[in-house]
Amino acid sequence: MYNVVYYNKNNEIPVLNFITQLPRKDQAKILREIDLLEIFGLSLGFPHIKKINSKENIWELRIKHSSNHYRIFYFTLSSNEFLLLNAIHKKTNKLNKKDVDLSIKRKRDYLNRKK
């Protein structure tokens, strides 16, 4: 079993805030995918997860529900722990660099605060 941690700064949890704004069925699908990440970790494999930035070790949890595509960006804190950084509703085929950069910024912020 793997541990999933949500990025939290000043009592703001961006991934949970994003999820709670969605319709109930979409929330359920996303939470189920997070459960699968907790159970299988990186062995969950494609199409559920994909590494999007090797240098920063940023991954995406890929969720498709109906015609909606969601992404949750995360990185591995340790061999059995993941930090969920950012969540988006993906509307184009290509990831927005701004979303990836925000995830990298949050990762660095988290690591700096843990020193």
Protein backbone atom coordinates (compact mmCIF):
# COMPACT_ATOMS: atom_id res chain seq x y z
CA MET A 1 0.00 0.00 0.00
CA TYR A 2 1.24 3.47 -0.89
CA ASN A 3 0.63 6.72 0.94
CA VAL A 4 -0.88 9.70 -0.89
CA VAL A 5 -0.25 13.17 0.55
CA TYR A 6 -1.97 16.33 -0.67
CA TYR A 7 0.07 19.49 -1.17
CA ASN A 8 -1.06 21.93 1.52
CA LYS A 9 0.01 25.52 2.03
CA ASN A 10 -1.69 27.93 4.43
CA ASN A 11 -4.52 25.42 4.87
CA GLU A 12 -5.21 25.48 1.11
CA ILE A 13 -5.26 22.08 -0.57
CA PRO A 14 -5.42 22.78 -4.32
CA VAL A 15 -6.15 19.23 -5.49
CA LEU A 16 -9.02 18.73 -3.05
CA ASN A 17 -10.37 22.20 -3.83
CA PHE A 18 -10.40 21.28 -7.52
CA ILE A 19 -12.11 17.93 -6.95
CA THR A 20 -14.86 19.34 -4.72
CA GLN A 21 -15.88 21.81 -7.45
CA LEU A 22 -16.69 19.00 -9.89
CA PRO A 23 -19.93 17.04 -10.39
CA ARG A 24 -20.34 14.09 -7.98
CA LYS A 25 -19.76 11.40 -10.61
CA ASP A 26 -16.53 13.07 -11.73
CA GLN A 27 -15.42 13.35 -8.10
CA ALA A 28 -16.08 9.64 -7.59
CA LYS A 29 -14.07 8.68 -10.68
CA ILE A 30 -11.12 10.85 -9.64
CA LEU A 31 -11.13 9.56 -6.07
CA ARG A 32 -11.24 5.99 -7.39
CA GLU A 33 -8.14 6.67 -9.50
CA ILE A 34 -6.37 8.09 -6.44
CA ASP A 35 -7.33 4.89 -4.59
CA LEU A 36 -5.76 2.86 -7.41
CA LEU A 37 -2.57 4.91 -7.08
CA GLU A 38 -2.56 4.13 -3.34
CA ILE A 39 -2.95 0.42 -4.04
CA PHE A 40 -0.64 -0.07 -7.03
CA GLY A 41 1.77 2.88 -6.96
CA LEU A 42 3.90 3.31 -10.06
CA SER A 43 3.08 -0.22 -11.19
CA LEU A 44 -0.39 1.12 -12.05
CA GLY A 45 1.16 1.96 -15.41
CA PHE A 46 -0.11 3.57 -18.59
CA PRO A 47 -2.84 4.66 -19.36
CA HIS A 48 -3.47 5.51 -15.68
CA ILE A 49 -0.15 7.24 -15.01
CA LYS A 50 2.56 8.82 -17.12
CA LYS A 51 5.85 10.56 -16.30
CA ILE A 52 5.73 14.09 -17.72
CA ASN A 53 8.98 15.59 -16.41
CA SER A 54 11.94 13.27 -15.84
CA LYS A 55 14.26 15.93 -14.40
CA GLU A 56 11.78 16.91 -11.67
CA ASN A 57 10.24 13.41 -11.41
CA ILE A 58 6.72 14.77 -12.04
CA TRP A 59 4.00 12.28 -12.99
CA GLU A 60 0.40 12.66 -14.05
CA LEU A 61 -2.54 10.59 -12.89
CA ARG A 62 -4.74 10.40 -15.98
CA ILE A 63 -8.50 10.29 -15.45
CA LYS A 64 -11.12 10.02 -18.16
CA HIS A 65 -14.79 10.25 -17.29
CA SER A 66 -17.28 10.51 -20.11
CA SER A 67 -15.88 13.22 -22.40
CA ASN A 68 -13.90 14.86 -19.58
CA HIS A 69 -10.18 14.38 -19.17
CA TYR A 70 -8.58 15.26 -15.84
CA ARG A 71 -4.97 15.24 -14.74
CA ILE A 72 -3.49 15.22 -11.27
CA PHE A 73 0.21 16.02 -11.17
CA TYR A 74 2.29 14.40 -8.45
CA PHE A 75 5.79 13.29 -7.54
CA THR A 76 7.28 10.52 -5.48
CA LEU A 77 8.35 11.65 -2.02
CA SER A 78 9.77 8.20 -1.28
CA SER A 79 9.44 4.69 -2.64
CA ASN A 80 5.97 4.40 -1.14
CA GLU A 81 4.69 7.99 -0.86
CA PHE A 82 3.25 10.40 -3.44
CA LEU A 83 2.56 14.12 -3.14
CA LEU A 84 -0.43 15.35 -5.19
CA LEU A 85 0.47 18.84 -6.41
CA ASN A 86 -2.04 20.15 -8.93
CA ALA A 87 -5.20 19.11 -10.77
CA ILE A 88 -6.58 20.28 -14.09
CA HIS A 89 -9.42 19.69 -16.52
CA LYS A 90 -7.53 18.88 -19.70
CA LYS A 91 -9.18 20.43 -22.74
CA THR A 92 -6.47 20.11 -25.39
CA ASN A 93 -4.18 17.32 -26.57
CA LYS A 94 -1.08 19.03 -25.22
CA LEU A 95 -0.32 19.79 -21.58
CA ASN A 96 -0.06 23.45 -20.72
CA LYS A 97 3.52 24.28 -19.65
CA LYS A 98 2.09 26.66 -17.04
CA ASP A 99 0.35 23.74 -15.27
CA VAL A 100 3.53 21.66 -15.23
CA ASP A 101 5.56 24.65 -14.01
CA LEU A 102 3.07 25.23 -11.18
CA SER A 103 3.49 21.60 -10.13
CA ILE A 104 7.27 21.97 -10.10
CA LYS A 105 6.98 25.17 -8.06
CA ARG A 106 4.74 23.45 -5.50
CA LYS A 107 7.07 20.46 -5.30
CA ARG A 108 10.04 22.72 -4.57
CA ASP A 109 8.03 24.73 -2.04
CA TYR A 110 7.00 21.55 -0.23
CA LEU A 111 10.57 20.21 -0.10
CA ASN A 112 11.93 23.57 1.12
CA ARG A 113 9.37 23.69 3.95
CA LYS A 114 10.25 20.14 5.01
CA LYS A 115 13.96 20.93 5.52
